[in-house]
PDB file of N, CA and C in Angstrom:
ATOM      1  N   MET A   1      -7.391  19.603 -17.755  1.00  0.00           N
ATOM      2  CA  MET A   1      -8.229  18.567 -17.259  1.00  0.00           C
ATOM      3  C   MET A   1      -9.179  18.158 -18.377  1.00  0.00           C
ATOM      4  N   SER A   2      -9.319  16.841 -18.698  1.00  0.00           N
ATOM      5  CA  SER A   2     -10.168  16.399 -19.658  1.00  0.00           C
ATOM      6  C   SER A   2     -11.212  15.418 -19.121  1.00  0.00           C
ATOM      7  N   GLN A   3     -12.385  15.534 -19.595  1.00  0.00           N
ATOM      8  CA  GLN A   3     -13.404  14.576 -19.119  1.00  0.00           C
ATOM      9  C   GLN A   3     -13.435  13.427 -19.920  1.00  0.00           C
ATOM     10  N   LEU A   4     -13.630  12.309 -19.303  1.00  0.00           N
ATOM     11  CA  LEU A   4     -13.793  11.065 -20.026  1.00  0.00           C
ATOM     12  C   LEU A   4     -15.257  10.582 -19.962  1.00  0.00           C
ATOM     13  N   GLN A   5     -15.811  10.048 -21.074  1.00  0.00           N
ATOM     14  CA  GLN A   5     -17.220   9.670 -21.156  1.00  0.00           C
ATOM     15  C   GLN A   5     -17.174   8.140 -21.308  1.00  0.00           C
ATOM     16  N   PHE A   6     -18.103   7.392 -20.435  1.00  0.00           N
ATOM     17  CA  PHE A   6     -18.358   6.012 -20.443  1.00  0.00           C
ATOM     18  C   PHE A   6     -19.650   5.766 -20.975  1.00  0.00           C
ATOM     19  N   VAL A   7     -19.771   5.025 -22.076  1.00  0.00           N
ATOM     20  CA  VAL A   7     -21.096   4.771 -22.744  1.00  0.00           C
ATOM     21  C   VAL A   7     -21.433   3.402 -22.492  1.00  0.00           C
ATOM     22  N   SER A   8     -22.778   3.204 -22.165  1.00  0.00           N
ATOM     23  CA  SER A   8     -23.273   1.778 -21.913  1.00  0.00           C
ATOM     24  C   SER A   8     -24.518   1.679 -22.789  1.00  0.00           C
ATOM     25  N   SER A   9     -24.984   0.366 -22.981  1.00  0.00           N
ATOM     26  CA  SER A   9     -26.067   0.154 -23.709  1.00  0.00           C
ATOM     27  C   SER A   9     -27.328   0.275 -22.820  1.00  0.00           C
ATOM     28  N   ARG A  10     -27.128   0.096 -21.481  1.00  0.00           N
ATOM     29  CA  ARG A  10     -28.176   0.282 -20.566  1.00  0.00           C
ATOM     30  C   ARG A  10     -28.306   1.876 -20.230  1.00  0.00           C
ATOM     31  N   PRO A  11     -29.566   2.360 -20.075  1.00  0.00           N
ATOM     32  CA  PRO A  11     -29.731   3.685 -19.614  1.00  0.00           C
ATOM     33  C   PRO A  11     -29.463   3.588 -18.151  1.00  0.00           C
ATOM     34  N   ARG A  12     -28.510   4.504 -17.657  1.00  0.00           N
ATOM     35  CA  ARG A  12     -28.167   4.674 -16.270  1.00  0.00           C
ATOM     36  C   ARG A  12     -27.335   5.933 -16.205  1.00  0.00           C
ATOM     37  N   PRO A  13     -27.388   6.560 -15.097  1.00  0.00           N
ATOM     38  CA  PRO A  13     -26.467   7.729 -14.841  1.00  0.00           C
ATOM     39  C   PRO A  13     -24.969   7.392 -15.170  1.00  0.00           C
ATOM     40  N   ALA A  14     -24.319   8.206 -15.797  1.00  0.00           N
ATOM     41  CA  ALA A  14     -22.858   8.059 -16.112  1.00  0.00           C
ATOM     42  C   ALA A  14     -21.914   8.255 -15.112  1.00  0.00           C
ATOM     43  N   LEU A  15     -20.952   7.416 -15.099  1.00  0.00           N
ATOM     44  CA  LEU A  15     -19.750   7.750 -14.243  1.00  0.00           C
ATOM     45  C   LEU A  15     -19.074   9.007 -14.687  1.00  0.00           C
ATOM     46  N   GLN A  16     -18.669   9.759 -13.792  1.00  0.00           N
ATOM     47  CA  GLN A  16     -17.902  11.024 -14.171  1.00  0.00           C
ATOM     48  C   GLN A  16     -16.385  10.731 -13.851  1.00  0.00           C
ATOM     49  N   ALA A  17     -15.619  11.134 -14.822  1.00  0.00           N
ATOM     50  CA  ALA A  17     -14.150  10.889 -14.753  1.00  0.00           C
ATOM     51  C   ALA A  17     -13.390  11.991 -15.415  1.00  0.00           C
ATOM     52  N   TYR A  18     -12.334  12.494 -14.755  1.00  0.00           N
ATOM     53  CA  TYR A  18     -11.613  13.579 -15.339  1.00  0.00           C
ATOM     54  C   TYR A  18     -10.007  13.163 -15.219  1.00  0.00           C
ATOM     55  N   VAL A  19      -9.380  13.427 -16.310  1.00  0.00           N
ATOM     56  CA  VAL A  19      -7.923  13.324 -16.344  1.00  0.00           C
ATOM     57  C   VAL A  19      -7.252  14.472 -15.759  1.00  0.00           C
ATOM     58  N   ILE A  20      -6.381  14.262 -14.718  1.00  0.00           N
ATOM     59  CA  ILE A  20      -5.654  15.452 -14.106  1.00  0.00           C
ATOM     60  C   ILE A  20      -4.196  15.551 -14.652  1.00  0.00           C
ATOM     61  N   GLU A  21      -3.945  16.725 -15.179  1.00  0.00           N
ATOM     62  CA  GLU A  21      -2.831  17.011 -15.825  1.00  0.00           C
ATOM     63  C   GLU A  21      -1.941  18.170 -15.104  1.00  0.00           C
ATOM     64  N   ILE A  22      -0.630  18.066 -15.157  1.00  0.00           N
ATOM     65  CA  ILE A  22       0.237  19.194 -14.835  1.00  0.00           C
ATOM     66  C   ILE A  22       1.101  19.406 -15.935  1.00  0.00           C
ATOM     67  N   GLY A  23       0.969  20.487 -16.757  1.00  0.00           N
ATOM     68  CA  GLY A  23       1.669  20.769 -17.934  1.00  0.00           C
ATOM     69  C   GLY A  23       1.171  19.701 -19.050  1.00  0.00           C
ATOM     70  N   GLU A  24       2.061  19.011 -19.581  1.00  0.00           N
ATOM     71  CA  GLU A  24       1.576  17.989 -20.591  1.00  0.00           C
ATOM     72  C   GLU A  24       1.439  16.576 -19.978  1.00  0.00           C
ATOM     73  N   ALA A  25       1.853  16.499 -18.620  1.00  0.00           N
ATOM     74  CA  ALA A  25       1.906  15.180 -17.984  1.00  0.00           C
ATOM     75  C   ALA A  25       0.584  14.768 -17.426  1.00  0.00           C
ATOM     76  N   GLN A  26       0.009  13.639 -17.679  1.00  0.00           N
ATOM     77  CA  GLN A  26      -1.165  13.039 -17.102  1.00  0.00           C
ATOM     78  C   GLN A  26      -0.682  12.364 -15.863  1.00  0.00           C
ATOM     79  N   ILE A  27      -0.989  12.911 -14.708  1.00  0.00           N
ATOM     80  CA  ILE A  27      -0.571  12.452 -13.424  1.00  0.00           C
ATOM     81  C   ILE A  27      -1.565  11.438 -12.692  1.00  0.00           C
ATOM     82  N   GLY A  28      -2.779  11.511 -13.217  1.00  0.00           N
ATOM     83  CA  GLY A  28      -3.724  10.778 -12.436  1.00  0.00           C
ATOM     84  C   GLY A  28      -5.201  11.104 -12.977  1.00  0.00           C
ATOM     85  N   LEU A  29      -6.211  10.532 -12.385  1.00  0.00           N
ATOM     86  CA  LEU A  29      -7.516  10.873 -12.746  1.00  0.00           C
ATOM     87  C   LEU A  29      -8.415  10.792 -11.515  1.00  0.00           C
ATOM     88  N   VAL A  30      -9.524  11.445 -11.537  1.00  0.00           N
ATOM     89  CA  VAL A  30     -10.595  11.419 -10.632  1.00  0.00           C
ATOM     90  C   VAL A  30     -11.915  10.839 -11.172  1.00  0.00           C
ATOM     91  N   SER A  31     -12.598  10.053 -10.404  1.00  0.00           N
ATOM     92  CA  SER A  31     -13.755   9.561 -10.817  1.00  0.00           C
ATOM     93  C   SER A  31     -14.842   9.545  -9.670  1.00  0.00           C
ATOM     94  N   ARG A  32     -16.025   9.434 -10.088  1.00  0.00           N
ATOM     95  CA  ARG A  32     -17.084   9.196  -9.021  1.00  0.00           C
ATOM     96  C   ARG A  32     -18.382   8.512  -9.781  1.00  0.00           C
ATOM     97  N   ARG A  33     -18.946   7.766  -9.037  1.00  0.00           N
ATOM     98  CA  ARG A  33     -20.231   7.114  -9.474  1.00  0.00           C
ATOM     99  C   ARG A  33     -21.346   8.014  -9.224  1.00  0.00           C
ATOM    100  N   PRO A  34     -22.464   7.930  -9.849  1.00  0.00           N
ATOM    101  CA  PRO A  34     -23.643   8.678  -9.633  1.00  0.00           C
ATOM    102  C   PRO A  34     -24.132   8.840  -8.155  1.00  0.00           C
ATOM    103  N   ASP A  35     -23.985   7.739  -7.375  1.00  0.00           N
ATOM    104  CA  ASP A  35     -24.313   7.668  -5.988  1.00  0.00           C
ATOM    105  C   ASP A  35     -23.363   8.338  -4.975  1.00  0.00           C
ATOM    106  N   GLU A  36     -22.145   8.766  -5.563  1.00  0.00           N
ATOM    107  CA  GLU A  36     -21.032   9.295  -4.762  1.00  0.00           C
ATOM    108  C   GLU A  36     -21.144  10.807  -4.706  1.00  0.00           C
ATOM    109  N   ARG A  37     -20.689  11.432  -3.585  1.00  0.00           N
ATOM    110  CA  ARG A  37     -20.597  12.904  -3.652  1.00  0.00           C
ATOM    111  C   ARG A  37     -19.305  13.498  -3.977  1.00  0.00           C
ATOM    112  N   ASP A  38     -18.210  12.708  -3.657  1.00  0.00           N
ATOM    113  CA  ASP A  38     -16.843  13.135  -3.910  1.00  0.00           C
ATOM    114  C   ASP A  38     -16.167  12.383  -4.969  1.00  0.00           C
ATOM    115  N   PHE A  39     -15.102  12.816  -5.530  1.00  0.00           N
ATOM    116  CA  PHE A  39     -14.315  12.211  -6.621  1.00  0.00           C
ATOM    117  C   PHE A  39     -13.116  11.583  -5.904  1.00  0.00           C
ATOM    118  N   THR A  40     -12.759  10.460  -6.282  1.00  0.00           N
ATOM    119  CA  THR A  40     -11.590   9.625  -5.835  1.00  0.00           C
ATOM    120  C   THR A  40     -10.472   9.672  -6.846  1.00  0.00           C
ATOM    121  N   PHE A  41      -9.225  10.128  -6.286  1.00  0.00           N
ATOM    122  CA  PHE A  41      -8.109  10.287  -7.129  1.00  0.00           C
ATOM    123  C   PHE A  41      -7.388   8.891  -7.322  1.00  0.00           C
ATOM    124  N   ILE A  42      -6.988   8.682  -8.492  1.00  0.00           N
ATOM    125  CA  ILE A  42      -6.315   7.378  -8.888  1.00  0.00           C
ATOM    126  C   ILE A  42      -5.052   7.963  -9.595  1.00  0.00           C
ATOM    127  N   ALA A  43      -3.854   7.635  -8.917  1.00  0.00           N
ATOM    128  CA  ALA A  43      -2.602   8.167  -9.343  1.00  0.00           C
ATOM    129  C   ALA A  43      -2.084   7.260 -10.535  1.00  0.00           C
ATOM    130  N   ALA A  44      -1.527   7.987 -11.595  1.00  0.00           N
ATOM    131  CA  ALA A  44      -0.950   7.479 -12.879  1.00  0.00           C
ATOM    132  C   ALA A  44       0.563   7.484 -12.689  1.00  0.00           C
ATOM    133  N   SER A  45       1.007   8.128 -11.776  1.00  0.00           N
ATOM    134  CA  SER A  45       2.490   8.205 -11.500  1.00  0.00           C
ATOM    135  C   SER A  45       2.744   7.923 -10.046  1.00  0.00           C
ATOM    136  N   SER A  46       3.920   7.276  -9.709  1.00  0.00           N
ATOM    137  CA  SER A  46       4.380   6.895  -8.515  1.00  0.00           C
ATOM    138  C   SER A  46       4.639   8.267  -7.580  1.00  0.00           C
ATOM    139  N   ALA A  47       5.044   9.309  -8.348  1.00  0.00           N
ATOM    140  CA  ALA A  47       5.250  10.541  -7.673  1.00  0.00           C
ATOM    141  C   ALA A  47       3.990  11.114  -6.913  1.00  0.00           C
ATOM    142  N   PHE A  48       2.814  10.642  -7.334  1.00  0.00           N
ATOM    143  CA  PHE A  48       1.529  11.160  -6.795  1.00  0.00           C
ATOM    144  C   PHE A  48       0.746  10.081  -6.135  1.00  0.00           C
ATOM    145  N   ARG A  49       1.467   9.003  -5.735  1.00  0.00           N
ATOM    146  CA  ARG A  49       0.846   7.848  -5.027  1.00  0.00           C
ATOM    147  C   ARG A  49       0.312   8.375  -3.601  1.00  0.00           C
ATOM    148  N   SER A  50       0.841   9.373  -2.989  1.00  0.00           N
ATOM    149  CA  SER A  50       0.376   9.893  -1.792  1.00  0.00           C
ATOM    150  C   SER A  50      -1.042  10.315  -1.940  1.00  0.00           C
ATOM    151  N   LEU A  51      -1.480  10.733  -3.086  1.00  0.00           N
ATOM    152  CA  LEU A  51      -2.886  11.168  -3.262  1.00  0.00           C
ATOM    153  C   LEU A  51      -3.883  10.031  -3.693  1.00  0.00           C
ATOM    154  N   ASP A  52      -3.252   8.859  -3.990  1.00  0.00           N
ATOM    155  CA  ASP A  52      -4.141   7.761  -4.411  1.00  0.00           C
ATOM    156  C   ASP A  52      -5.230   7.391  -3.437  1.00  0.00           C
ATOM    157  N   GLY A  53      -6.460   7.345  -3.969  1.00  0.00           N
ATOM    158  CA  GLY A  53      -7.539   6.885  -3.056  1.00  0.00           C
ATOM    159  C   GLY A  53      -8.176   8.211  -2.181  1.00  0.00           C
ATOM    160  N   GLN A  54      -7.339   9.306  -2.185  1.00  0.00           N
ATOM    161  CA  GLN A  54      -8.022  10.475  -1.464  1.00  0.00           C
ATOM    162  C   GLN A  54      -9.242  10.993  -2.265  1.00  0.00           C
ATOM    163  N   ARG A  55     -10.078  11.525  -1.441  1.00  0.00           N
ATOM    164  CA  ARG A  55     -11.437  12.069  -1.975  1.00  0.00           C
ATOM    165  C   ARG A  55     -11.433  13.540  -2.118  1.00  0.00           C
ATOM    166  N   PHE A  56     -11.952  14.028  -3.119  1.00  0.00           N
ATOM    167  CA  PHE A  56     -12.011  15.547  -3.320  1.00  0.00           C
ATOM    168  C   PHE A  56     -13.507  15.993  -3.778  1.00  0.00           C
ATOM    169  N   ALA A  57     -13.797  17.132  -3.312  1.00  0.00           N
ATOM    170  CA  ALA A  57     -15.137  17.668  -3.657  1.00  0.00           C
ATOM    171  C   ALA A  57     -15.267  18.003  -5.222  1.00  0.00           C
ATOM    172  N   THR A  58     -14.140  18.360  -5.712  1.00  0.00           N
ATOM    173  CA  THR A  58     -14.181  18.749  -7.175  1.00  0.00           C
ATOM    174  C   THR A  58     -12.920  18.263  -7.985  1.00  0.00           C
ATOM    175  N   PRO A  59     -12.896  18.048  -9.338  1.00  0.00           N
ATOM    176  CA  PRO A  59     -11.691  17.798  -9.927  1.00  0.00           C
ATOM    177  C   PRO A  59     -10.755  18.815  -9.679  1.00  0.00           C
ATOM    178  N   GLY A  60     -11.138  20.195  -9.722  1.00  0.00           N
ATOM    179  CA  GLY A  60     -10.127  21.251  -9.428  1.00  0.00           C
ATOM    180  C   GLY A  60      -9.439  21.137  -8.156  1.00  0.00           C
ATOM    181  N   ALA A  61     -10.114  20.678  -7.130  1.00  0.00           N
ATOM    182  CA  ALA A  61      -9.493  20.468  -5.779  1.00  0.00           C
ATOM    183  C   ALA A  61      -8.401  19.440  -5.887  1.00  0.00           C
ATOM    184  N   ALA A  62      -8.704  18.447  -6.682  1.00  0.00           N
ATOM    185  CA  ALA A  62      -7.736  17.239  -6.792  1.00  0.00           C
ATOM    186  C   ALA A  62      -6.484  17.856  -7.591  1.00  0.00           C
ATOM    187  N   GLU A  63      -6.706  18.605  -8.579  1.00  0.00           N
ATOM    188  CA  GLU A  63      -5.582  19.274  -9.453  1.00  0.00           C
ATOM    189  C   GLU A  63      -4.773  20.076  -8.581  1.00  0.00           C
ATOM    190  N   SER A  64      -5.458  20.924  -7.756  1.00  0.00           N
ATOM    191  CA  SER A  64      -4.579  21.859  -6.785  1.00  0.00           C
ATOM    192  C   SER A  64      -3.769  21.045  -5.831  1.00  0.00           C
ATOM    193  N   ALA A  65      -4.355  19.992  -5.315  1.00  0.00           N
ATOM    194  CA  ALA A  65      -3.538  19.142  -4.350  1.00  0.00           C
ATOM    195  C   ALA A  65      -2.356  18.524  -5.081  1.00  0.00           C
ATOM    196  N   ALA A  66      -2.451  18.027  -6.424  1.00  0.00           N
ATOM    197  CA  ALA A  66      -1.434  17.533  -7.157  1.00  0.00           C
ATOM    198  C   ALA A  66      -0.277  18.604  -7.484  1.00  0.00           C
ATOM    199  N   ARG A  67      -0.754  19.767  -7.749  1.00  0.00           N
ATOM    200  CA  ARG A  67       0.110  20.996  -7.951  1.00  0.00           C
ATOM    201  C   ARG A  67       0.936  21.219  -6.723  1.00  0.00           C
ATOM    202  N   ARG A  68       0.345  21.305  -5.615  1.00  0.00           N
ATOM    203  CA  ARG A  68       0.964  21.576  -4.347  1.00  0.00           C
ATOM    204  C   ARG A  68       2.053  20.340  -4.069  1.00  0.00           C
ATOM    205  N   LEU A  69       1.714  19.115  -4.315  1.00  0.00           N
ATOM    206  CA  LEU A  69       2.690  17.993  -4.203  1.00  0.00           C
ATOM    207  C   LEU A  69       3.784  18.149  -5.090  1.00  0.00           C
ATOM    208  N   ALA A  70       3.595  18.625  -6.379  1.00  0.00           N
ATOM    209  CA  ALA A  70       4.541  18.721  -7.301  1.00  0.00           C
ATOM    210  C   ALA A  70       5.640  19.920  -7.002  1.00  0.00           C
ATOM    211  N   ARG A  71       5.186  20.790  -6.213  1.00  0.00           N
ATOM    212  CA  ARG A  71       6.045  22.010  -5.998  1.00  0.00           C
ATOM    213  C   ARG A  71       7.326  21.608  -5.276  1.00  0.00           C
ATOM    214  N   PRO A  72       8.491  22.292  -5.598  1.00  0.00           N
ATOM    215  CA  PRO A  72       9.625  22.008  -4.783  1.00  0.00           C
ATOM    216  C   PRO A  72       9.490  22.452  -3.435  1.00  0.00           C
ATOM    217  N   ARG A  73      10.102  21.735  -2.487  1.00  0.00           N
ATOM    218  CA  ARG A  73       9.998  21.933  -1.034  1.00  0.00           C
ATOM    219  C   ARG A  73      11.039  23.159  -0.659  1.00  0.00           C
ATOM    220  N   ARG A  74      10.555  24.366  -0.773  1.00  0.00           N
ATOM    221  CA  ARG A  74      11.310  25.488  -0.425  1.00  0.00           C
ATOM    222  C   ARG A  74      11.623  25.677   1.028  1.00  0.00           C
ATOM    223  N   HIS A  75      10.674  25.302   1.848  1.00  0.00           N
ATOM    224  CA  HIS A  75      10.905  25.450   3.290  1.00  0.00           C
ATOM    225  C   HIS A  75      11.968  24.658   3.869  1.00  0.00           C
ATOM    226  N   ASN A  76      12.298  23.382   3.370  1.00  0.00           N
ATOM    227  CA  ASN A  76      13.450  22.575   3.676  1.00  0.00           C
ATOM    228  C   ASN A  76      14.686  23.315   3.400  1.00  0.00           C
ATOM    229  N   ALA A  77      14.837  23.922   2.192  1.00  0.00           N
ATOM    230  CA  ALA A  77      16.110  24.648   1.939  1.00  0.00           C
ATOM    231  C   ALA A  77      16.289  25.870   2.735  1.00  0.00           C
ATOM    232  N   LEU A  78      15.190  26.544   2.991  1.00  0.00           N
ATOM    233  CA  LEU A  78      15.405  27.661   3.966  1.00  0.00           C
ATOM    234  C   LEU A  78      15.775  27.239   5.305  1.00  0.00           C
ATOM    235  N   ARG A  79      15.286  26.227   5.794  1.00  0.00           N
ATOM    236  CA  ARG A  79      15.668  25.779   7.201  1.00  0.00           C
ATOM    237  C   ARG A  79      17.000  25.330   7.249  1.00  0.00           C
ATOM    238  N   LEU A  80      17.594  24.725   6.186  1.00  0.00           N
ATOM    239  CA  LEU A  80      19.073  24.381   6.129  1.00  0.00           C
ATOM    240  C   LEU A  80      19.941  25.539   6.021  1.00  0.00           C
ATOM    241  N   ALA A  81      19.517  26.655   5.426  1.00  0.00           N
ATOM    242  CA  ALA A  81      20.281  27.830   5.268  1.00  0.00           C
ATOM    243  C   ALA A  81      20.406  28.540   6.615  1.00  0.00           C
ATOM    244  N   SER A  82      19.531  28.384   7.452  1.00  0.00           N
ATOM    245  CA  SER A  82      19.561  29.229   8.777  1.00  0.00           C
ATOM    246  C   SER A  82      20.406  28.545   9.752  1.00  0.00           C
TER     247      SER A  82
END
């Protein structure tokens, strides 16, 4: 996860933004304005579109959600085998 810095000529609190990566792939980012409590996910890949616009307490929580989404669906394979 990488932090992006936004610089302005006016003094004001900075927007916080982090790139969310799985392995070498950048799959989205989260950002929040100074007046927001949570981070909003912005998908960079259609595979993660279901997370687009969701809000997370921390960038790590967004990364965990993306990793869960990226995992193969083992429970479907197990159900078919039984």
